[in-house]
Amino acid sequence: MKKLTLIALLIFIGIQFVPMDVPADIPTKAEKELQAPDAVMSVLKRACFDCHSNHTTFPWYSSIAPVSWFTKHHVEEGREHMNFSTWAEYDDEKKLKFLDKIPKAIKSKMPLPSYLLIHKEAKLSDADKTLLTKWTTEEAFDLE
């Protein structure tokens, strides 16, 4: 058992030297970012922006492997799927698709359970979900 523990410890220490660039907080022009009412922005910043914007807050543990690998993957995937920091660059058709998907995602899988384990403040209340659903409906109506 001691050998196994020592081997696991050495592997853990060794993987810390594997370079892993965590996606940076990328500066974006304000006019490219999502413009929404303050209440909506507050919920989005609390629950969505770490993965779906260029304004990610990386806690201390996100630089420790293998957590850093997991974090990097989720942030890159989230930004690739939808990025509120580049919202103005999307055409109306793409925005409409996102506005349709947001309520479905927040009812079923977002924020991810793995994210909520550590970020309890990101859990969406029923009021948050109602607010975001109402906002997406109004935004979609304005785009059509």
Protein backbone atom coordinates (compact mmCIF):
# COMPACT_ATOMS: atom_id res chain seq x y z
CA MET A 1 0.00 0.00 0.00
CA LYS A 2 2.88 2.38 0.78
CA LYS A 3 4.40 1.74 -2.66
CA LEU A 4 1.11 2.42 -4.35
CA THR A 5 0.67 5.67 -2.40
CA LEU A 6 4.24 6.72 -3.25
CA ILE A 7 3.71 5.96 -6.94
CA ALA A 8 0.43 7.92 -6.96
CA LEU A 9 2.13 10.86 -5.23
CA LEU A 10 5.01 10.82 -7.73
CA ILE A 11 2.57 10.73 -10.64
CA PHE A 12 0.61 13.63 -9.14
CA ILE A 13 3.81 15.65 -8.71
CA GLY A 14 5.00 14.70 -12.19
CA ILE A 15 1.83 15.83 -13.96
CA GLN A 16 2.26 19.28 -12.45
CA PHE A 17 5.13 19.78 -14.90
CA VAL A 18 2.98 19.06 -17.95
CA PRO A 19 2.44 22.50 -19.48
CA MET A 20 -1.19 23.47 -19.68
CA ASP A 21 -2.19 26.93 -20.77
CA VAL A 22 -5.49 27.87 -19.22
CA PRO A 23 -7.55 30.13 -21.51
CA ALA A 24 -6.92 33.74 -20.61
CA ASP A 25 -9.28 36.56 -19.83
CA ILE A 26 -9.31 37.96 -23.35
CA PRO A 27 -9.92 41.69 -23.64
CA THR A 28 -12.86 42.46 -25.88
CA LYS A 29 -14.42 45.68 -27.03
CA ALA A 30 -17.54 46.61 -25.10
CA GLU A 31 -19.56 47.02 -28.28
CA LYS A 32 -18.97 43.33 -29.14
CA GLU A 33 -20.23 42.10 -25.79
CA LEU A 34 -23.77 41.21 -24.87
CA GLN A 35 -25.89 44.18 -23.85
CA ALA A 36 -28.70 43.15 -21.51
CA PRO A 37 -30.58 44.58 -18.52
CA ASP A 38 -28.57 44.73 -15.29
CA ALA A 39 -30.59 41.97 -13.61
CA VAL A 40 -29.96 39.62 -16.54
CA MET A 41 -26.27 40.50 -16.69
CA SER A 42 -25.94 39.87 -12.97
CA VAL A 43 -27.30 36.33 -13.31
CA LEU A 44 -25.26 35.61 -16.43
CA LYS A 45 -22.04 36.87 -14.83
CA ARG A 46 -22.66 34.78 -11.71
CA ALA A 47 -23.69 31.57 -13.44
CA CYS A 48 -22.52 31.59 -17.07
CA PHE A 49 -19.62 33.93 -17.76
CA ASP A 50 -16.82 31.72 -16.42
CA CYS A 51 -17.35 29.35 -19.35
CA HIS A 52 -19.34 31.41 -21.85
CA SER A 53 -17.37 34.66 -21.99
CA ASN A 54 -13.83 35.94 -22.18
CA HIS A 55 -14.09 37.04 -18.54
CA THR A 56 -13.28 33.82 -16.73
CA THR A 57 -12.32 33.84 -13.07
CA PHE A 58 -9.78 31.11 -12.46
CA PRO A 59 -9.53 30.07 -8.80
CA TRP A 60 -6.23 28.89 -7.33
CA TYR A 61 -7.01 25.21 -7.84
CA SER A 62 -7.47 25.65 -11.58
CA SER A 63 -3.69 25.68 -12.00
CA ILE A 64 -3.25 22.24 -10.41
CA ALA A 65 -3.33 19.21 -12.72
CA PRO A 66 -5.54 17.36 -13.44
CA VAL A 67 -8.08 20.07 -12.45
CA SER A 68 -6.33 22.49 -14.84
CA TRP A 69 -6.95 20.10 -17.74
CA PHE A 70 -10.62 19.77 -16.86
CA THR A 71 -10.99 23.55 -16.43
CA LYS A 72 -9.24 24.36 -19.69
CA HIS A 73 -11.38 21.90 -21.62
CA HIS A 74 -14.66 23.22 -20.20
CA VAL A 75 -13.79 26.89 -20.71
CA GLU A 76 -12.63 26.36 -24.29
CA GLU A 77 -15.70 24.26 -25.07
CA GLY A 78 -18.04 26.79 -23.46
CA ARG A 79 -16.53 29.73 -25.33
CA GLU A 80 -16.60 27.80 -28.59
CA HIS A 81 -20.25 26.89 -28.16
CA MET A 82 -21.43 30.40 -27.21
CA ASN A 83 -19.49 33.44 -26.08
CA PHE A 84 -21.29 36.42 -24.55
CA SER A 85 -18.13 38.51 -25.08
CA THR A 86 -18.56 38.24 -28.85
CA TRP A 87 -22.35 38.33 -28.94
CA ALA A 88 -22.51 41.28 -31.36
CA GLU A 89 -20.48 39.32 -33.90
CA TYR A 90 -23.18 36.67 -34.23
CA ASP A 91 -25.74 37.17 -36.97
CA ASP A 92 -29.42 37.35 -36.02
CA GLU A 93 -30.05 33.73 -37.02
CA LYS A 94 -27.32 32.47 -34.68
CA LYS A 95 -28.53 34.73 -31.87
CA LEU A 96 -32.05 33.35 -32.31
CA LYS A 97 -30.71 29.80 -32.04
CA PHE A 98 -28.87 30.67 -28.83
CA LEU A 99 -31.88 32.49 -27.41
CA ASP A 100 -33.96 29.38 -28.09
CA LYS A 101 -31.37 27.07 -26.49
CA ILE A 102 -30.65 29.08 -23.34
CA PRO A 103 -33.94 28.33 -21.53
CA LYS A 104 -33.68 24.65 -22.46
CA ALA A 105 -30.09 24.47 -21.24
CA ILE A 106 -30.77 26.15 -17.90
CA LYS A 107 -33.68 23.79 -17.25
CA SER A 108 -31.71 20.66 -18.02
CA LYS A 109 -27.95 20.94 -17.66
CA MET A 110 -26.56 24.41 -17.09
CA PRO A 111 -24.57 25.34 -15.17
CA LEU A 112 -22.88 21.96 -15.24
CA PRO A 113 -23.23 19.92 -12.04
CA SER A 114 -19.43 19.61 -11.87
CA TYR A 115 -19.16 23.41 -11.85
CA LEU A 116 -21.84 23.76 -9.19
CA LEU A 117 -19.95 21.44 -6.84
CA ILE A 118 -17.50 24.24 -6.14
CA HIS A 119 -19.40 27.31 -7.33
CA LYS A 120 -22.58 27.13 -5.24
CA GLU A 121 -23.35 30.79 -6.02
CA ALA A 122 -23.83 29.86 -9.69
CA LYS A 123 -26.89 27.71 -8.98
CA LEU A 124 -29.87 29.22 -10.71
CA SER A 125 -32.98 29.79 -8.65
CA ASP A 126 -36.43 29.48 -10.16
CA ALA A 127 -36.54 33.29 -10.25
CA ASP A 128 -33.23 33.36 -12.15
CA LYS A 129 -34.54 30.85 -14.67
CA THR A 130 -37.76 32.80 -15.11
CA LEU A 131 -35.82 36.04 -15.60
CA LEU A 132 -33.52 34.51 -18.22
CA THR A 133 -36.38 32.79 -20.02
CA LYS A 134 -38.37 36.04 -20.15
CA TRP A 135 -35.31 37.91 -21.39
CA THR A 136 -34.56 35.37 -24.14
CA THR A 137 -38.18 35.50 -25.31
CA GLU A 138 -38.15 39.30 -25.47
CA GLU A 139 -34.78 39.36 -27.23
CA ALA A 140 -35.91 36.80 -29.78
CA PHE A 141 -39.09 38.80 -30.42
CA ASP A 142 -37.02 41.95 -31.01
CA LEU A 143 -34.79 40.12 -33.50
CA GLU A 144 -37.63 38.65 -35.56
